[in-house]
Amino acid sequence: SRKAMEDDVDALDEARDEVLSRVTTYQQNLKNYHSRRLRPRSFQVGDLVLRLTQDSHEKFESPWIGPYIVTEVIPGGAYRLKDKKTGKEEANPWNVAQLRRFYA
């Protein structure tokens, strides 16, 4: 009985290692697939962009406002913006993840 229990524990450990190996392989393949399809987003000074609203918005309202003009590119994926309508400079820089290209 003791031998059977030890065999069961060994089999369980092997099964756990196999599952961990398969999960790791699956996650790596998923990351590679995503990385191949990802298009890096970057903007130049003078580009028109929309920015994500900071406030909560209504269900049927767009979460994007703008257009804004990119006035400065900051290393690390941040951008300084100026409102195209008012000409007012935004106080803080915006991360590229919170910006989308504006197509006029």
N, C-alpha and C. Protein backbone atom coordinates (compact mmCIF):
# COMPACT_ATOMS: atom_id res chain seq x y z
N SER A 1 0.83 -1.19 0.00
CA SER A 1 0.00 0.00 0.00
C SER A 1 0.88 1.26 0.00
N ARG A 2 1.95 1.22 0.79
CA ARG A 2 2.86 2.36 0.84
C ARG A 2 3.53 2.57 -0.52
N LYS A 3 3.91 1.47 -1.17
CA LYS A 3 4.55 1.54 -2.49
C LYS A 3 3.57 2.13 -3.52
N ALA A 4 2.32 1.73 -3.46
CA ALA A 4 1.31 2.24 -4.39
C ALA A 4 1.10 3.74 -4.18
N MET A 5 1.12 4.18 -2.93
CA MET A 5 0.94 5.59 -2.63
C MET A 5 2.12 6.41 -3.17
N GLU A 6 3.35 5.90 -3.00
CA GLU A 6 4.53 6.58 -3.52
C GLU A 6 4.48 6.66 -5.04
N ASP A 7 4.02 5.58 -5.68
CA ASP A 7 3.89 5.58 -7.14
C ASP A 7 2.86 6.62 -7.59
N ASP A 8 1.76 6.73 -6.85
CA ASP A 8 0.73 7.72 -7.18
C ASP A 8 1.27 9.15 -7.05
N VAL A 9 2.03 9.40 -5.99
CA VAL A 9 2.62 10.72 -5.78
C VAL A 9 3.61 11.03 -6.90
N ASP A 10 4.43 10.06 -7.29
CA ASP A 10 5.37 10.26 -8.39
C ASP A 10 4.64 10.55 -9.70
N ALA A 11 3.57 9.80 -9.96
CA ALA A 11 2.79 10.01 -11.18
C ALA A 11 2.14 11.39 -11.17
N LEU A 12 1.68 11.82 -10.02
CA LEU A 12 1.07 13.14 -9.90
C LEU A 12 2.10 14.23 -10.15
N ASP A 13 3.30 14.07 -9.60
CA ASP A 13 4.38 15.04 -9.83
C ASP A 13 4.74 15.11 -11.31
N GLU A 14 4.82 13.97 -11.97
CA GLU A 14 5.14 13.95 -13.40
C GLU A 14 4.04 14.62 -14.21
N ALA A 15 2.80 14.35 -13.86
CA ALA A 15 1.67 14.97 -14.57
C ALA A 15 1.69 16.48 -14.37
N ARG A 16 1.98 16.94 -13.16
CA ARG A 16 2.05 18.37 -12.87
C ARG A 16 3.16 19.02 -13.69
N ASP A 17 4.32 18.37 -13.77
CA ASP A 17 5.43 18.90 -14.57
C ASP A 17 5.06 18.97 -16.05
N GLU A 18 4.35 17.96 -16.54
CA GLU A 18 3.92 17.94 -17.94
C GLU A 18 2.95 19.09 -18.23
N VAL A 19 2.01 19.30 -17.32
CA VAL A 19 1.04 20.40 -17.49
C VAL A 19 1.76 21.74 -17.48
N LEU A 20 2.69 21.93 -16.56
CA LEU A 20 3.45 23.17 -16.49
C LEU A 20 4.22 23.41 -17.78
N SER A 21 4.83 22.37 -18.32
CA SER A 21 5.57 22.48 -19.57
C SER A 21 4.65 22.87 -20.73
N ARG A 22 3.47 22.25 -20.79
CA ARG A 22 2.53 22.56 -21.88
C ARG A 22 1.97 23.98 -21.76
N VAL A 23 1.67 24.40 -20.54
CA VAL A 23 1.16 25.76 -20.33
C VAL A 23 2.22 26.78 -20.73
N THR A 24 3.46 26.55 -20.35
CA THR A 24 4.54 27.46 -20.71
C THR A 24 4.70 27.54 -22.22
N THR A 25 4.67 26.40 -22.91
CA THR A 25 4.77 26.38 -24.37
C THR A 25 3.60 27.12 -25.00
N TYR A 26 2.39 26.88 -24.50
CA TYR A 26 1.20 27.55 -25.03
C TYR A 26 1.31 29.06 -24.87
N GLN A 27 1.71 29.52 -23.69
CA GLN A 27 1.83 30.96 -23.44
C GLN A 27 2.90 31.59 -24.33
N GLN A 28 4.00 30.90 -24.56
CA GLN A 28 5.05 31.41 -25.44
C GLN A 28 4.54 31.52 -26.88
N ASN A 29 3.82 30.50 -27.34
CA ASN A 29 3.25 30.54 -28.69
C ASN A 29 2.24 31.67 -28.83
N LEU A 30 1.43 31.89 -27.81
CA LEU A 30 0.45 32.97 -27.83
C LEU A 30 1.14 34.32 -27.88
N LYS A 31 2.20 34.49 -27.11
CA LYS A 31 2.96 35.74 -27.11
C LYS A 31 3.59 35.98 -28.48
N ASN A 32 4.16 34.93 -29.08
CA ASN A 32 4.76 35.07 -30.40
C ASN A 32 3.72 35.45 -31.45
N TYR A 33 2.54 34.84 -31.39
CA TYR A 33 1.47 35.15 -32.34
C TYR A 33 1.06 36.61 -32.20
N HIS A 34 0.87 37.05 -30.96
CA HIS A 34 0.47 38.43 -30.71
C HIS A 34 1.55 39.40 -31.19
N SER A 35 2.80 39.10 -30.92
CA SER A 35 3.90 39.98 -31.30
C SER A 35 4.02 40.11 -32.82
N ARG A 36 3.74 39.04 -33.55
CA ARG A 36 3.81 39.09 -35.01
C ARG A 36 2.73 40.00 -35.58
N ARG A 37 1.56 40.02 -34.95
CA ARG A 37 0.43 40.79 -35.47
C ARG A 37 0.41 42.24 -34.98
N LEU A 38 1.20 42.54 -33.98
CA LEU A 38 1.20 43.86 -33.37
C LEU A 38 1.89 44.87 -34.28
N ARG A 39 1.22 45.99 -34.51
CA ARG A 39 1.83 47.07 -35.27
C ARG A 39 2.19 48.18 -34.29
N PRO A 40 3.46 48.51 -34.16
CA PRO A 40 3.83 49.56 -33.21
C PRO A 40 3.21 50.89 -33.62
N ARG A 41 2.75 51.63 -32.64
CA ARG A 41 2.10 52.91 -32.90
C ARG A 41 3.07 54.02 -32.51
N SER A 42 3.31 54.93 -33.42
CA SER A 42 4.14 56.09 -33.11
C SER A 42 3.65 57.27 -33.92
N PHE A 43 3.94 58.45 -33.43
CA PHE A 43 3.48 59.68 -34.08
C PHE A 43 4.66 60.62 -34.26
N GLN A 44 4.51 61.54 -35.20
CA GLN A 44 5.52 62.56 -35.47
C GLN A 44 4.96 63.91 -35.03
N VAL A 45 5.84 64.88 -34.83
CA VAL A 45 5.39 66.25 -34.53
C VAL A 45 4.54 66.72 -35.70
N GLY A 46 3.37 67.27 -35.39
CA GLY A 46 2.45 67.75 -36.42
C GLY A 46 1.33 66.79 -36.75
N ASP A 47 1.43 65.54 -36.32
CA ASP A 47 0.36 64.56 -36.58
C ASP A 47 -0.88 64.93 -35.78
N LEU A 48 -2.04 64.59 -36.34
CA LEU A 48 -3.30 64.78 -35.63
C LEU A 48 -3.67 63.48 -34.92
N VAL A 49 -4.05 63.60 -33.65
CA VAL A 49 -4.39 62.42 -32.84
C VAL A 49 -5.65 62.68 -32.04
N LEU A 50 -6.28 61.60 -31.61
CA LEU A 50 -7.36 61.65 -30.63
C LEU A 50 -6.80 61.11 -29.33
N ARG A 51 -7.30 61.61 -28.21
CA ARG A 51 -6.83 61.08 -26.92
C ARG A 51 -8.01 60.52 -26.15
N LEU A 52 -7.70 59.57 -25.29
CA LEU A 52 -8.71 58.92 -24.46
C LEU A 52 -9.18 59.90 -23.39
N THR A 53 -10.49 59.95 -23.15
CA THR A 53 -10.99 60.86 -22.12
C THR A 53 -10.62 60.35 -20.74
N GLN A 54 -10.37 61.27 -19.84
CA GLN A 54 -10.06 60.92 -18.46
C GLN A 54 -11.35 60.69 -17.68
N ASP A 55 -12.40 61.44 -18.04
CA ASP A 55 -13.67 61.35 -17.33
C ASP A 55 -14.43 60.11 -17.78
N SER A 56 -15.34 59.67 -16.93
CA SER A 56 -16.21 58.58 -17.35
C SER A 56 -17.15 59.15 -18.41
N HIS A 57 -17.55 58.32 -19.33
CA HIS A 57 -18.40 58.79 -20.42
C HIS A 57 -19.67 57.95 -20.47
N GLU A 58 -20.66 58.50 -21.14
CA GLU A 58 -21.92 57.80 -21.29
C GLU A 58 -21.73 56.58 -22.19
N LYS A 59 -22.68 55.69 -22.12
CA LYS A 59 -22.58 54.42 -22.84
C LYS A 59 -22.40 54.60 -24.34
N PHE A 60 -23.12 55.56 -24.93
CA PHE A 60 -23.08 55.72 -26.38
C PHE A 60 -22.19 56.88 -26.83
N GLU A 61 -21.42 57.45 -25.93
CA GLU A 61 -20.47 58.50 -26.30
C GLU A 61 -19.12 57.87 -26.61
N SER A 62 -18.41 58.53 -27.50
CA SER A 62 -17.07 58.05 -27.84
C SER A 62 -16.12 58.32 -26.67
N PRO A 63 -15.25 57.39 -26.37
CA PRO A 63 -14.26 57.63 -25.31
C PRO A 63 -13.08 58.47 -25.81
N TRP A 64 -13.09 58.85 -27.08
CA TRP A 64 -11.99 59.60 -27.68
C TRP A 64 -12.40 61.04 -27.92
N ILE A 65 -11.49 61.99 -27.60
CA ILE A 65 -11.76 63.40 -27.87
C ILE A 65 -10.59 63.98 -28.65
N GLY A 66 -10.88 65.08 -29.34
CA GLY A 66 -9.85 65.72 -30.14
C GLY A 66 -10.43 66.33 -31.38
N PRO A 67 -9.67 66.66 -32.35
CA PRO A 67 -8.27 66.26 -32.56
C PRO A 67 -7.28 67.17 -31.82
N TYR A 68 -6.11 66.59 -31.59
CA TYR A 68 -4.99 67.29 -31.00
C TYR A 68 -3.81 67.21 -31.96
N ILE A 69 -2.92 68.17 -31.85
CA ILE A 69 -1.70 68.18 -32.66
C ILE A 69 -0.54 67.76 -31.77
N VAL A 70 0.28 66.83 -32.25
CA VAL A 70 1.48 66.42 -31.52
C VAL A 70 2.50 67.55 -31.63
N THR A 71 2.93 68.09 -30.47
CA THR A 71 3.89 69.19 -30.48
C THR A 71 5.29 68.75 -30.07
N GLU A 72 5.38 67.61 -29.37
CA GLU A 72 6.69 67.13 -28.93
C GLU A 72 6.64 65.62 -28.74
N VAL A 73 7.70 64.95 -29.18
CA VAL A 73 7.83 63.51 -28.97
C VAL A 73 8.82 63.33 -27.83
N ILE A 74 8.37 62.66 -26.77
CA ILE A 74 9.21 62.42 -25.60
C ILE A 74 9.66 60.97 -25.63
N PRO A 75 10.95 60.69 -25.48
CA PRO A 75 11.41 59.30 -25.51
C PRO A 75 10.66 58.43 -24.50
N GLY A 76 10.38 57.20 -24.89
CA GLY A 76 9.65 56.29 -24.02
C GLY A 76 8.18 56.18 -24.39
N GLY A 77 7.76 56.82 -25.48
CA GLY A 77 6.39 56.67 -25.94
C GLY A 77 5.41 57.70 -25.40
N ALA A 78 5.89 58.87 -25.01
CA ALA A 78 5.00 59.93 -24.53
C ALA A 78 5.00 61.09 -25.52
N TYR A 79 3.90 61.84 -25.53
CA TYR A 79 3.74 62.93 -26.49
C TYR A 79 3.09 64.13 -25.81
N ARG A 80 3.55 65.32 -26.17
CA ARG A 80 2.89 66.55 -25.73
C ARG A 80 1.90 66.94 -26.83
N LEU A 81 0.72 67.40 -26.39
CA LEU A 81 -0.36 67.68 -27.33
C LEU A 81 -0.85 69.11 -27.19
N LYS A 82 -1.42 69.62 -28.31
CA LYS A 82 -2.06 70.92 -28.33
C LYS A 82 -3.43 70.74 -28.97
N ASP A 83 -4.47 71.29 -28.35
CA ASP A 83 -5.82 71.21 -28.89
C ASP A 83 -5.87 71.97 -30.21
N LYS A 84 -6.35 71.32 -31.26
CA LYS A 84 -6.37 71.94 -32.59
C LYS A 84 -7.36 73.10 -32.64
N LYS A 85 -8.48 72.98 -31.94
CA LYS A 85 -9.51 74.03 -31.99
C LYS A 85 -9.12 75.26 -31.19
N THR A 86 -8.66 75.06 -29.96
CA THR A 86 -8.39 76.19 -29.07
C THR A 86 -6.92 76.63 -29.08
N GLY A 87 -6.04 75.76 -29.52
CA GLY A 87 -4.61 76.07 -29.51
C GLY A 87 -3.99 75.92 -28.13
N LYS A 88 -4.77 75.43 -27.15
CA LYS A 88 -4.28 75.28 -25.78
C LYS A 88 -3.42 74.03 -25.66
N GLU A 89 -2.24 74.21 -25.06
CA GLU A 89 -1.31 73.10 -24.83
C GLU A 89 -1.79 72.27 -23.64
N GLU A 90 -1.76 70.95 -23.76
CA GLU A 90 -2.10 70.07 -22.64
C GLU A 90 -1.01 70.17 -21.58
N ALA A 91 -1.41 70.17 -20.31
CA ALA A 91 -0.46 70.35 -19.21
C ALA A 91 0.50 69.18 -19.08
N ASN A 92 0.00 67.96 -19.28
CA ASN A 92 0.81 66.77 -19.08
C ASN A 92 0.99 66.01 -20.39
N PRO A 93 2.09 65.29 -20.53
CA PRO A 93 2.26 64.45 -21.72
C PRO A 93 1.33 63.25 -21.66
N TRP A 94 1.07 62.66 -22.82
CA TRP A 94 0.17 61.51 -22.94
C TRP A 94 0.94 60.32 -23.48
N ASN A 95 0.66 59.15 -22.93
CA ASN A 95 1.29 57.91 -23.38
C ASN A 95 0.67 57.46 -24.69
N VAL A 96 1.48 56.81 -25.52
CA VAL A 96 1.03 56.35 -26.83
C VAL A 96 -0.17 55.41 -26.73
N ALA A 97 -0.31 54.67 -25.63
CA ALA A 97 -1.43 53.75 -25.46
C ALA A 97 -2.76 54.49 -25.32
N GLN A 98 -2.70 55.78 -24.98
CA GLN A 98 -3.92 56.57 -24.81
C GLN A 98 -4.21 57.46 -26.01
N LEU A 99 -3.50 57.22 -27.11
CA LEU A 99 -3.67 58.05 -28.31
C LEU A 99 -4.02 57.19 -29.51
N ARG A 100 -4.76 57.78 -30.43
CA ARG A 100 -5.08 57.15 -31.71
C ARG A 100 -4.91 58.18 -32.81
N ARG A 101 -4.51 57.72 -33.97
CA ARG A 101 -4.36 58.61 -35.11
C ARG A 101 -5.73 59.16 -35.51
N PHE A 102 -5.77 60.46 -35.86
CA PHE A 102 -7.00 61.09 -36.33
C PHE A 102 -6.93 61.19 -37.84
N TYR A 103 -7.95 60.65 -38.50
CA TYR A 103 -8.02 60.70 -39.96
C TYR A 103 -9.07 61.73 -40.34
N ALA A 104 -8.63 62.82 -40.95
CA ALA A 104 -9.57 63.90 -41.32
C ALA A 104 -10.27 63.58 -42.63
